[in-house]
């Protein structure tokens, strides 16, 4: 509200309406991101329980938190779970790696676009294109 005082009085109502719409969309995006992160955490907990990986609930929480980080978060979380799975056996580790590869594919191509479509009211293709553009811009900043 303070920043609105910096806008010319003739444009203040329009800028306020636009900023309110932006804040609603950002809030919806964050809610959708939280929902997909909780799903990743629950899936990790169930997978850990089913395969005998220790600390399943803690790993589920870690994956849920890491999944909040765009693009690489769920990959890093899955890598940590695979490292812990090494304490069980090599076949469980390979199965866990396959699980996270499939889960990441499903999250990137099904869950996230559909959730974003519902929450932000954007077409899934627009969401996927925006992620690709964001990833390309992120890579360009470090090259």
Protein backbone atom coordinates (compact mmCIF):
# COMPACT_ATOMS: atom_id res chain seq x y z
CA UNK A 1 0.00 0.00 0.00
CA UNK A 2 2.90 2.33 0.73
CA UNK A 3 4.28 1.94 -2.81
CA UNK A 4 0.94 3.07 -4.25
CA UNK A 5 1.63 6.55 -2.89
CA UNK A 6 4.59 6.71 -5.28
CA UNK A 7 2.28 6.28 -8.28
CA UNK A 8 0.60 9.27 -9.86
CA UNK A 9 -2.89 9.84 -8.45
CA UNK A 10 -4.45 9.50 -11.90
CA UNK A 11 -3.07 5.97 -12.28
CA UNK A 12 -3.29 4.82 -8.67
CA UNK A 13 -6.63 2.96 -8.94
CA UNK A 14 -5.51 1.03 -12.02
CA UNK A 15 -2.14 0.12 -10.48
CA UNK A 16 -3.84 -0.96 -7.25
CA UNK A 17 -6.26 -3.24 -9.12
CA UNK A 18 -3.43 -4.74 -11.16
CA UNK A 19 -1.19 -5.30 -8.14
CA UNK A 20 -4.08 -6.97 -6.29
CA UNK A 21 -4.58 -9.37 -9.24
CA UNK A 22 -0.84 -10.11 -9.32
CA UNK A 23 -0.80 -10.85 -5.58
CA UNK A 24 -3.77 -13.22 -5.93
CA UNK A 25 -2.05 -15.09 -8.77
CA UNK A 26 1.24 -15.32 -6.85
CA UNK A 27 -0.65 -16.63 -3.82
CA UNK A 28 -2.37 -19.25 -5.95
CA UNK A 29 0.95 -20.27 -7.47
CA UNK A 30 2.49 -20.68 -4.02
CA UNK A 31 -0.47 -22.77 -2.89
CA UNK A 32 -0.12 -25.04 -5.92
CA UNK A 33 3.61 -25.35 -5.31
CA UNK A 34 2.93 -26.27 -1.69
CA UNK A 35 0.40 -28.91 -2.76
CA UNK A 36 2.83 -30.57 -5.18
CA UNK A 37 5.55 -30.46 -2.53
CA UNK A 38 3.31 -32.16 0.03
CA UNK A 39 2.51 -34.81 -2.58
CA UNK A 40 6.24 -35.41 -3.14
CA UNK A 41 6.82 -35.71 0.61
CA UNK A 42 3.95 -38.16 1.10
CA UNK A 43 5.09 -40.23 -1.89
CA UNK A 44 8.59 -40.36 -0.42
CA UNK A 45 7.29 -41.44 2.97
CA UNK A 46 5.18 -44.21 1.44
CA UNK A 47 8.02 -45.37 -0.82
CA UNK A 48 10.45 -45.41 2.10
CA UNK A 49 8.04 -47.40 4.24
CA UNK A 50 7.32 -49.88 1.43
CA UNK A 51 10.99 -50.50 0.64
CA UNK A 52 12.37 -50.40 4.18
CA UNK A 53 14.40 -47.23 3.76
CA UNK A 54 15.07 -45.81 7.25
CA UNK A 55 13.89 -42.36 8.35
CA UNK A 56 11.02 -42.34 5.86
CA UNK A 57 9.06 -39.54 7.53
CA UNK A 58 12.16 -37.37 7.88
CA UNK A 59 13.11 -38.02 4.26
CA UNK A 60 9.55 -37.21 3.20
CA UNK A 61 9.74 -33.88 5.01
CA UNK A 62 13.13 -33.16 3.42
CA UNK A 63 11.82 -33.95 -0.06
CA UNK A 64 8.73 -31.77 0.53
CA UNK A 65 10.91 -28.83 1.56
CA UNK A 66 13.39 -29.37 -1.27
CA UNK A 67 10.53 -29.66 -3.78
CA UNK A 68 9.67 -26.04 -3.03
CA UNK A 69 12.92 -25.06 -4.79
CA UNK A 70 12.06 -24.66 -8.48
CA UNK A 71 13.59 -26.90 -11.15
CA UNK A 72 16.26 -28.75 -9.11
CA UNK A 73 14.72 -29.16 -5.66
CA UNK A 74 12.99 -32.50 -6.15
CA UNK A 75 16.08 -33.90 -7.89
CA UNK A 76 18.28 -32.98 -4.93
CA UNK A 77 15.74 -34.47 -2.51
CA UNK A 78 15.55 -37.67 -4.54
CA UNK A 79 19.35 -37.90 -4.58
CA UNK A 80 19.44 -37.72 -0.78
CA UNK A 81 16.83 -40.49 -0.52
CA UNK A 82 18.90 -42.60 -2.94
CA UNK A 83 21.96 -42.10 -0.74
CA UNK A 84 20.03 -43.27 2.32
CA UNK A 85 18.66 -46.20 0.29
CA UNK A 86 22.25 -47.37 -0.14
CA UNK A 87 22.14 -48.36 3.53
CA UNK A 88 19.46 -50.93 2.66
CA UNK A 89 20.82 -52.53 -0.53
CA UNK A 90 21.89 -51.78 -4.08
CA UNK A 91 18.66 -53.13 -5.64
CA UNK A 92 16.57 -50.87 -3.37
CA UNK A 93 18.78 -47.94 -4.38
CA UNK A 94 18.30 -48.69 -8.08
CA UNK A 95 14.55 -49.07 -7.55
CA UNK A 96 14.51 -45.75 -5.65
CA UNK A 97 16.39 -44.07 -8.48
CA UNK A 98 13.82 -45.45 -10.94
CA UNK A 99 10.99 -44.31 -8.65
CA UNK A 100 12.32 -40.74 -8.51
CA UNK A 101 12.95 -40.65 -12.24
CA UNK A 102 9.34 -41.68 -12.86
CA UNK A 103 8.02 -39.41 -10.12
CA UNK A 104 9.94 -36.43 -11.47
CA UNK A 105 8.64 -37.10 -14.98
CA UNK A 106 5.07 -37.36 -13.68
CA UNK A 107 5.49 -34.23 -11.57
CA UNK A 108 6.95 -32.18 -14.42
CA UNK A 109 4.55 -33.33 -17.14
CA UNK A 110 1.32 -34.12 -15.28
CA UNK A 111 0.99 -32.91 -11.71
CA UNK A 112 2.53 -29.45 -11.95
CA UNK A 113 0.93 -28.36 -15.25
CA UNK A 114 -2.51 -29.61 -14.21
CA UNK A 115 -2.23 -28.03 -10.76
CA UNK A 116 -1.07 -24.75 -12.25
CA UNK A 117 -3.90 -24.85 -14.78
CA UNK A 118 -6.43 -25.27 -12.00
CA UNK A 119 -4.92 -22.74 -9.64
CA UNK A 120 -3.64 -20.03 -11.96
CA UNK A 121 -6.13 -20.77 -14.73
CA UNK A 122 -3.39 -21.13 -17.35
CA UNK A 123 -3.21 -23.83 -19.99
CA UNK A 124 -0.70 -26.61 -19.10
CA UNK A 125 1.28 -25.90 -22.28
CA UNK A 126 1.73 -22.28 -21.16
CA UNK A 127 3.03 -23.52 -17.80
CA UNK A 128 5.51 -25.89 -19.43
CA UNK A 129 6.71 -23.19 -21.84
CA UNK A 130 7.18 -20.76 -18.94
CA UNK A 131 9.27 -23.37 -17.06
CA UNK A 132 11.41 -23.96 -20.15
CA UNK A 133 11.94 -20.23 -20.66
CA UNK A 134 12.79 -19.78 -16.98
CA UNK A 135 15.27 -22.66 -17.11
CA UNK A 136 16.89 -21.23 -20.23
CA UNK A 137 17.19 -17.80 -18.62
CA UNK A 138 18.66 -19.37 -15.47
CA UNK A 139 21.26 -21.26 -17.52
CA UNK A 140 22.14 -18.12 -19.42
CA UNK A 141 22.96 -16.32 -16.17
CA UNK A 142 25.67 -18.81 -15.26
CA UNK A 143 27.24 -19.46 -18.66
